[in-house]
Amino acid sequence: MLEKLQKIISEYADIPADQITEETNIRTDLGLNSLELVNMAVAIEDEFGVEIPDREALGLETVGDVMAVIEKYL
């Protein structure tokens, strides 16, 4: 799962996939604006076939948090 997330995130952020870890902070480490974050979230939902409620998505801070919520809705 981490490898898929790394690939998606690296497409939206200017960070090589191998530098993205579970501890990577979505807001501070990736440097994405709001639109980029929304587009990335949609790509993640499409890739994993899940729908993450907006309220829950807004509370995600790290890549590890994203992994946990994906597992929750799989």
PDB file of N, CA and C in Angstrom:
ATOM      1  N   MET A   1       0.822  -1.191   0.000  1.00  0.00           N
ATOM      2  CA  MET A   1       0.000   0.000   0.000  1.00  0.00           C
ATOM      3  C   MET A   1       0.867   1.255   0.000  1.00  0.00           C
ATOM      4  N   LEU A   2       1.938   1.230   0.780  1.00  0.00           N
ATOM      5  CA  LEU A   2       2.812   2.411   0.857  1.00  0.00           C
ATOM      6  C   LEU A   2       3.392   2.746  -0.513  1.00  0.00           C
ATOM      7  N   GLU A   3       3.790   1.727  -1.260  1.00  0.00           N
ATOM      8  CA  GLU A   3       4.382   1.987  -2.581  1.00  0.00           C
ATOM      9  C   GLU A   3       3.382   2.668  -3.520  1.00  0.00           C
ATOM     10  N   LYS A   4       2.124   2.242  -3.490  1.00  0.00           N
ATOM     11  CA  LYS A   4       1.106   2.877  -4.327  1.00  0.00           C
ATOM     12  C   LYS A   4       0.908   4.332  -3.903  1.00  0.00           C
ATOM     13  N   LEU A   5       0.853   4.562  -2.591  1.00  0.00           N
ATOM     14  CA  LEU A   5       0.689   5.926  -2.096  1.00  0.00           C
ATOM     15  C   LEU A   5       1.883   6.798  -2.468  1.00  0.00           C
ATOM     16  N   GLN A   6       3.075   6.260  -2.353  1.00  0.00           N
ATOM     17  CA  GLN A   6       4.283   7.011  -2.709  1.00  0.00           C
ATOM     18  C   GLN A   6       4.212   7.460  -4.168  1.00  0.00           C
ATOM     19  N   LYS A   7       3.783   6.563  -5.035  1.00  0.00           N
ATOM     20  CA  LYS A   7       3.700   6.892  -6.461  1.00  0.00           C
ATOM     21  C   LYS A   7       2.687   8.011  -6.701  1.00  0.00           C
ATOM     22  N   ILE A   8       1.505   7.891  -6.093  1.00  0.00           N
ATOM     23  CA  ILE A   8       0.462   8.906  -6.280  1.00  0.00           C
ATOM     24  C   ILE A   8       0.922  10.246  -5.719  1.00  0.00           C
ATOM     25  N   ILE A   9       1.447  10.231  -4.500  1.00  0.00           N
ATOM     26  CA  ILE A   9       1.862  11.473  -3.846  1.00  0.00           C
ATOM     27  C   ILE A   9       2.979  12.155  -4.622  1.00  0.00           C
ATOM     28  N   SER A  10       3.925  11.375  -5.117  1.00  0.00           N
ATOM     29  CA  SER A  10       5.047  11.974  -5.845  1.00  0.00           C
ATOM     30  C   SER A  10       4.597  12.631  -7.143  1.00  0.00           C
ATOM     31  N   GLU A  11       3.454  12.194  -7.695  1.00  0.00           N
ATOM     32  CA  GLU A  11       2.915  12.824  -8.903  1.00  0.00           C
ATOM     33  C   GLU A  11       2.379  14.226  -8.605  1.00  0.00           C
ATOM     34  N   TYR A  12       1.928  14.445  -7.378  1.00  0.00           N
ATOM     35  CA  TYR A  12       1.344  15.740  -7.005  1.00  0.00           C
ATOM     36  C   TYR A  12       2.323  16.639  -6.269  1.00  0.00           C
ATOM     37  N   ALA A  13       3.270  16.042  -5.568  1.00  0.00           N
ATOM     38  CA  ALA A  13       4.249  16.809  -4.796  1.00  0.00           C
ATOM     39  C   ALA A  13       5.595  16.739  -5.509  1.00  0.00           C
ATOM     40  N   ASP A  14       6.405  17.698  -5.275  1.00  0.00           N
ATOM     41  CA  ASP A  14       7.734  17.727  -5.893  1.00  0.00           C
ATOM     42  C   ASP A  14       8.733  16.992  -5.006  1.00  0.00           C
ATOM     43  N   ILE A  15       8.401  15.725  -4.715  1.00  0.00           N
ATOM     44  CA  ILE A  15       9.225  14.896  -3.828  1.00  0.00           C
ATOM     45  C   ILE A  15       9.357  13.518  -4.464  1.00  0.00           C
ATOM     46  N   PRO A  16      10.572  12.985  -4.539  1.00  0.00           N
ATOM     47  CA  PRO A  16      10.731  11.626  -5.081  1.00  0.00           C
ATOM     48  C   PRO A  16       9.988  10.611  -4.208  1.00  0.00           C
ATOM     49  N   ALA A  17       9.416   9.605  -4.852  1.00  0.00           N
ATOM     50  CA  ALA A  17       8.620   8.603  -4.142  1.00  0.00           C
ATOM     51  C   ALA A  17       9.388   7.954  -3.002  1.00  0.00           C
ATOM     52  N   ASP A  18      10.687   7.698  -3.201  1.00  0.00           N
ATOM     53  CA  ASP A  18      11.447   7.007  -2.161  1.00  0.00           C
ATOM     54  C   ASP A  18      11.721   7.872  -0.928  1.00  0.00           C
ATOM     55  N   GLN A  19      11.393   9.147  -0.989  1.00  0.00           N
ATOM     56  CA  GLN A  19      11.560  10.025   0.178  1.00  0.00           C
ATOM     57  C   GLN A  19      10.259  10.194   0.964  1.00  0.00           C
ATOM     58  N   ILE A  20       9.200   9.556   0.508  1.00  0.00           N
ATOM     59  CA  ILE A  20       7.903   9.641   1.182  1.00  0.00           C
ATOM     60  C   ILE A  20       7.774   8.432   2.105  1.00  0.00           C
ATOM     61  N   THR A  21       7.554   8.701   3.388  1.00  0.00           N
ATOM     62  CA  THR A  21       7.426   7.642   4.382  1.00  0.00           C
ATOM     63  C   THR A  21       6.078   7.760   5.084  1.00  0.00           C
ATOM     64  N   GLU A  22       5.808   6.829   5.976  1.00  0.00           N
ATOM     65  CA  GLU A  22       4.567   6.884   6.743  1.00  0.00           C
ATOM     66  C   GLU A  22       4.529   8.125   7.629  1.00  0.00           C
ATOM     67  N   GLU A  23       5.682   8.668   7.965  1.00  0.00           N
ATOM     68  CA  GLU A  23       5.756   9.835   8.834  1.00  0.00           C
ATOM     69  C   GLU A  23       5.684  11.153   8.075  1.00  0.00           C
ATOM     70  N   THR A  24       5.698  11.107   6.751  1.00  0.00           N
ATOM     71  CA  THR A  24       5.638  12.328   5.951  1.00  0.00           C
ATOM     72  C   THR A  24       4.340  13.073   6.255  1.00  0.00           C
ATOM     73  N   ASN A  25       4.470  14.364   6.612  1.00  0.00           N
ATOM     74  CA  ASN A  25       3.310  15.183   6.915  1.00  0.00           C
ATOM     75  C   ASN A  25       2.707  15.706   5.613  1.00  0.00           C
ATOM     76  N   ILE A  26       1.434  15.477   5.434  1.00  0.00           N
ATOM     77  CA  ILE A  26       0.762  15.824   4.189  1.00  0.00           C
ATOM     78  C   ILE A  26       0.790  17.322   3.926  1.00  0.00           C
ATOM     79  N   ARG A  27       0.589  18.115   4.949  1.00  0.00           N
ATOM     80  CA  ARG A  27       0.505  19.562   4.755  1.00  0.00           C
ATOM     81  C   ARG A  27       1.877  20.243   4.738  1.00  0.00           C
ATOM     82  N   THR A  28       2.702  19.937   5.710  1.00  0.00           N
ATOM     83  CA  THR A  28       3.963  20.677   5.822  1.00  0.00           C
ATOM     84  C   THR A  28       5.083  20.112   4.955  1.00  0.00           C
ATOM     85  N   ASP A  29       5.155  18.808   4.804  1.00  0.00           N
ATOM     86  CA  ASP A  29       6.267  18.210   4.059  1.00  0.00           C
ATOM     87  C   ASP A  29       6.059  18.204   2.550  1.00  0.00           C
ATOM     88  N   LEU A  30       4.810  18.141   2.110  1.00  0.00           N
ATOM     89  CA  LEU A  30       4.546  18.019   0.678  1.00  0.00           C
ATOM     90  C   LEU A  30       4.426  19.353  -0.034  1.00  0.00           C
ATOM     91  N   GLY A  31       4.044  20.393   0.681  1.00  0.00           N
ATOM     92  CA  GLY A  31       3.946  21.722   0.083  1.00  0.00           C
ATOM     93  C   GLY A  31       2.865  21.856  -0.971  1.00  0.00           C
ATOM     94  N   LEU A  32       1.773  21.130  -0.799  1.00  0.00           N
ATOM     95  CA  LEU A  32       0.685  21.187  -1.764  1.00  0.00           C
ATOM     96  C   LEU A  32      -0.331  22.258  -1.381  1.00  0.00           C
ATOM     97  N   ASN A  33      -0.928  22.885  -2.386  1.00  0.00           N
ATOM     98  CA  ASN A  33      -2.015  23.821  -2.097  1.00  0.00           C
ATOM     99  C   ASN A  33      -3.317  23.026  -1.949  1.00  0.00           C
ATOM    100  N   SER A  34      -4.395  23.696  -1.615  1.00  0.00           N
ATOM    101  CA  SER A  34      -5.668  23.025  -1.343  1.00  0.00           C
ATOM    102  C   SER A  34      -6.186  22.236  -2.542  1.00  0.00           C
ATOM    103  N   LEU A  35      -6.106  22.826  -3.721  1.00  0.00           N
ATOM    104  CA  LEU A  35      -6.578  22.140  -4.919  1.00  0.00           C
ATOM    105  C   LEU A  35      -5.763  20.879  -5.195  1.00  0.00           C
ATOM    106  N   GLU A  36      -4.457  20.975  -5.051  1.00  0.00           N
ATOM    107  CA  GLU A  36      -3.599  19.808  -5.255  1.00  0.00           C
ATOM    108  C   GLU A  36      -3.922  18.712  -4.242  1.00  0.00           C
ATOM    109  N   LEU A  37      -4.194  19.104  -2.997  1.00  0.00           N
ATOM    110  CA  LEU A  37      -4.553  18.119  -1.975  1.00  0.00           C
ATOM    111  C   LEU A  37      -5.849  17.404  -2.329  1.00  0.00           C
ATOM    112  N   VAL A  38      -6.835  18.162  -2.796  1.00  0.00           N
ATOM    113  CA  VAL A  38      -8.117  17.562  -3.175  1.00  0.00           C
ATOM    114  C   VAL A  38      -7.921  16.599  -4.347  1.00  0.00           C
ATOM    115  N   ASN A  39      -7.179  17.027  -5.350  1.00  0.00           N
ATOM    116  CA  ASN A  39      -6.931  16.169  -6.513  1.00  0.00           C
ATOM    117  C   ASN A  39      -6.185  14.901  -6.121  1.00  0.00           C
ATOM    118  N   MET A  40      -5.221  15.038  -5.216  1.00  0.00           N
ATOM    119  CA  MET A  40      -4.471  13.876  -4.747  1.00  0.00           C
ATOM    120  C   MET A  40      -5.400  12.933  -3.983  1.00  0.00           C
ATOM    121  N   ALA A  41      -6.279  13.478  -3.153  1.00  0.00           N
ATOM    122  CA  ALA A  41      -7.217  12.652  -2.387  1.00  0.00           C
ATOM    123  C   ALA A  41      -8.135  11.864  -3.321  1.00  0.00           C
ATOM    124  N   VAL A  42      -8.605  12.509  -4.383  1.00  0.00           N
ATOM    125  CA  VAL A  42      -9.458  11.831  -5.361  1.00  0.00           C
ATOM    126  C   VAL A  42      -8.690  10.694  -6.035  1.00  0.00           C
ATOM    127  N   ALA A  43      -7.437  10.943  -6.388  1.00  0.00           N
ATOM    128  CA  ALA A  43      -6.613   9.912  -7.026  1.00  0.00           C
ATOM    129  C   ALA A  43      -6.402   8.731  -6.077  1.00  0.00           C
ATOM    130  N   ILE A  44      -6.208   9.015  -4.806  1.00  0.00           N
ATOM    131  CA  ILE A  44      -6.028   7.948  -3.813  1.00  0.00           C
ATOM    132  C   ILE A  44      -7.314   7.140  -3.669  1.00  0.00           C
ATOM    133  N   GLU A  45      -8.449   7.826  -3.600  1.00  0.00           N
ATOM    134  CA  GLU A  45      -9.733   7.118  -3.497  1.00  0.00           C
ATOM    135  C   GLU A  45      -9.959   6.229  -4.722  1.00  0.00           C
ATOM    136  N   ASP A  46      -9.659   6.754  -5.902  1.00  0.00           N
ATOM    137  CA  ASP A  46      -9.831   5.976  -7.134  1.00  0.00           C
ATOM    138  C   ASP A  46      -8.908   4.761  -7.162  1.00  0.00           C
ATOM    139  N   GLU A  47      -7.665   4.947  -6.775  1.00  0.00           N
ATOM    140  CA  GLU A  47      -6.684   3.860  -6.803  1.00  0.00           C
ATOM    141  C   GLU A  47      -7.082   2.711  -5.882  1.00  0.00           C
ATOM    142  N   PHE A  48      -7.598   3.053  -4.709  1.00  0.00           N
ATOM    143  CA  PHE A  48      -7.896   2.027  -3.711  1.00  0.00           C
ATOM    144  C   PHE A  48      -9.377   1.643  -3.665  1.00  0.00           C
ATOM    145  N   GLY A  49     -10.214   2.315  -4.451  1.00  0.00           N
ATOM    146  CA  GLY A  49     -11.628   1.974  -4.493  1.00  0.00           C
ATOM    147  C   GLY A  49     -12.360   2.255  -3.197  1.00  0.00           C
ATOM    148  N   VAL A  50     -11.989   3.344  -2.540  1.00  0.00           N
ATOM    149  CA  VAL A  50     -12.638   3.730  -1.288  1.00  0.00           C
ATOM    150  C   VAL A  50     -13.160   5.154  -1.404  1.00  0.00           C
ATOM    151  N   GLU A  51     -14.080   5.493  -0.511  1.00  0.00           N
ATOM    152  CA  GLU A  51     -14.544   6.876  -0.413  1.00  0.00           C
ATOM    153  C   GLU A  51     -14.304   7.327   1.017  1.00  0.00           C
ATOM    154  N   ILE A  52     -13.442   8.315   1.166  1.00  0.00           N
ATOM    155  CA  ILE A  52     -13.094   8.834   2.484  1.00  0.00           C
ATOM    156  C   ILE A  52     -13.953  10.067   2.739  1.00  0.00           C
ATOM    157  N   PRO A  53     -14.761  10.047   3.810  1.00  0.00           N
ATOM    158  CA  PRO A  53     -15.589  11.214   4.103  1.00  0.00           C
ATOM    159  C   PRO A  53     -14.740  12.475   4.263  1.00  0.00           C
ATOM    160  N   ASP A  54     -15.249  13.597   3.742  1.00  0.00           N
ATOM    161  CA  ASP A  54     -14.509  14.858   3.779  1.00  0.00           C
ATOM    162  C   ASP A  54     -14.051  15.211   5.190  1.00  0.00           C
ATOM    163  N   ARG A  55     -14.925  15.054   6.153  1.00  0.00           N
ATOM    164  CA  ARG A  55     -14.590  15.398   7.538  1.00  0.00           C
ATOM    165  C   ARG A  55     -13.384  14.592   8.028  1.00  0.00           C
ATOM    166  N   GLU A  56     -13.358  13.324   7.672  1.00  0.00           N
ATOM    167  CA  GLU A  56     -12.244  12.477   8.082  1.00  0.00           C
ATOM    168  C   GLU A  56     -10.971  12.831   7.309  1.00  0.00           C
ATOM    169  N   ALA A  57     -11.128  13.120   6.020  1.00  0.00           N
ATOM    170  CA  ALA A  57      -9.982  13.471   5.187  1.00  0.00           C
ATOM    171  C   ALA A  57      -9.288  14.733   5.695  1.00  0.00           C
ATOM    172  N   LEU A  58     -10.062  15.685   6.167  1.00  0.00           N
ATOM    173  CA  LEU A  58      -9.490  16.940   6.664  1.00  0.00           C
ATOM    174  C   LEU A  58      -8.619  16.736   7.898  1.00  0.00           C
ATOM    175  N   GLY A  59      -8.851  15.662   8.634  1.00  0.00           N
ATOM    176  CA  GLY A  59      -8.081  15.402   9.846  1.00  0.00           C
ATOM    177  C   GLY A  59      -6.812  14.597   9.628  1.00  0.00           C
ATOM    178  N   LEU A  60      -6.583  14.152   8.410  1.00  0.00           N
ATOM    179  CA  LEU A  60      -5.392  13.350   8.129  1.00  0.00           C
ATOM    180  C   LEU A  60      -4.154  14.232   8.121  1.00  0.00           C
ATOM    181  N   GLU A  61      -3.125  13.769   8.821  1.00  0.00           N
ATOM    182  CA  GLU A  61      -1.902  14.564   8.902  1.00  0.00           C
ATOM    183  C   GLU A  61      -0.710  13.908   8.231  1.00  0.00           C
ATOM    184  N   THR A  62      -0.583  12.590   8.343  1.00  0.00           N
ATOM    185  CA  THR A  62       0.585  11.910   7.783  1.00  0.00           C
ATOM    186  C   THR A  62       0.164  10.857   6.763  1.00  0.00           C
ATOM    187  N   VAL A  63       1.133  10.387   6.013  1.00  0.00           N
ATOM    188  CA  VAL A  63       0.877   9.313   5.059  1.00  0.00           C
ATOM    189  C   VAL A  63       0.389   8.070   5.809  1.00  0.00           C
ATOM    190  N   GLY A  64       0.916   7.845   7.005  1.00  0.00           N
ATOM    191  CA  GLY A  64       0.452   6.732   7.834  1.00  0.00           C
ATOM    192  C   GLY A  64      -1.025   6.860   8.185  1.00  0.00           C
ATOM    193  N   ASP A  65      -1.478   8.087   8.441  1.00  0.00           N
ATOM    194  CA  ASP A  65      -2.899   8.328   8.702  1.00  0.00           C
ATOM    195  C   ASP A  65      -3.736   7.955   7.480  1.00  0.00           C
ATOM    196  N   VAL A  66      -3.238   8.309   6.300  1.00  0.00           N
ATOM    197  CA  VAL A  66      -3.940   7.990   5.055  1.00  0.00           C
ATOM    198  C   VAL A  66      -4.047   6.476   4.907  1.00  0.00           C
ATOM    199  N   MET A  67      -2.960   5.773   5.183  1.00  0.00           N
ATOM    200  CA  MET A  67      -2.969   4.314   5.095  1.00  0.00           C
ATOM    201  C   MET A  67      -4.004   3.717   6.046  1.00  0.00           C
ATOM    202  N   ALA A  68      -4.075   4.230   7.249  1.00  0.00           N
ATOM    203  CA  ALA A  68      -5.013   3.722   8.243  1.00  0.00           C
ATOM    204  C   ALA A  68      -6.455   3.923   7.803  1.00  0.00           C
ATOM    205  N   VAL A  69      -6.755   5.092   7.240  1.00  0.00           N
ATOM    206  CA  VAL A  69      -8.140   5.357   6.829  1.00  0.00           C
ATOM    207  C   VAL A  69      -8.500   4.545   5.585  1.00  0.00           C
ATOM    208  N   ILE A  70      -7.553   4.302   4.716  1.00  0.00           N
ATOM    209  CA  ILE A  70      -7.811   3.443   3.553  1.00  0.00           C
ATOM    210  C   ILE A  70      -8.153   2.036   4.039  1.00  0.00           C
ATOM    211  N   GLU A  71      -7.357   1.515   4.956  1.00  0.00           N
ATOM    212  CA  GLU A  71      -7.622   0.171   5.497  1.00  0.00           C
ATOM    213  C   GLU A  71      -8.984   0.111   6.171  1.00  0.00           C
ATOM    214  N   LYS A  72      -9.360   1.187   6.826  1.00  0.00           N
ATOM    215  CA  LYS A  72     -10.659   1.253   7.508  1.00  0.00           C
ATOM    216  C   LYS A  72     -11.814   1.090   6.530  1.00  0.00           C
ATOM    217  N   TYR A  73     -11.688   1.678   5.339  1.00  0.00           N
ATOM    218  CA  TYR A  73     -12.784   1.675   4.372  1.00  0.00           C
ATOM    219  C   TYR A  73     -12.654   0.623   3.292  1.00  0.00           C
ATOM    220  N   LEU A  74     -11.598  -0.163   3.291  1.00  0.00           N
ATOM    221  CA  LEU A  74     -11.460  -1.239   2.300  1.00  0.00           C
ATOM    222  C   LEU A  74     -12.431  -2.372   2.616  1.00  0.00           C
TER     223      LEU A  74
END
